[in-house]
Amino acid sequence: MDPSDLASIGLAAVALLVALVALVMALVQRRRYAVMLRRFQVLWGDGAADVATVLARQSRRVDGESARTDEVERAVAELRDGLAQTLQHVAVVRYDAFGDMGGQMSFSAAVVDDRGDGMVISSIHARGESRTYAKGVVKGGSEITLSPEERHALDAARSGRAD
């Protein structure tokens, strides 16, 4: 073989290698273009609108969602306020009201809301009779003096701890 033939073959090989690299780069770029095109199709929809129209539509959607979010936040706040006023904190204290009786048949039960408003109900059990008392509670206190057991039930209900 002639040295000029070897140079031509070498040059052809380099040209083929450059062509293969260019082909691979073109395929990669084609794939990137297809991905980008799909993303824009999601954004543009049917493709009939321009960028400004699409952005305006998206802005209106975001504003609508923002208004709905504000409405939900207001509703949740109202529910929290209403829940704070429900009698949901309860505690019961059982005890022996009289030393000669066992079985802890007497009890005091406190039922209050988040502010400490509610009532304390006590049932005093004796051998021949049982008496029941109800005392109103406002902000954790009562105008009527509470017994130690009633105070214990009220404190337990307000703190949420078990007896």
Foldseek 3Di string as FASTA:
>chain_A
DDPVVVVVVVVVVVVVVVVVVVVVVVVVVVVVVVVVVVVVCVQCPPVPDDPVVSVVVVVVVVVVVVVVVVVVVVVVVVVVVVQQADQDQKAKDFDQPDPVDDDSPKMKMFTGGQQLWDKIKIWHDDDPDIDIDIFTTGSLHGPDDDDPRNNVRSVCRNVVHHD
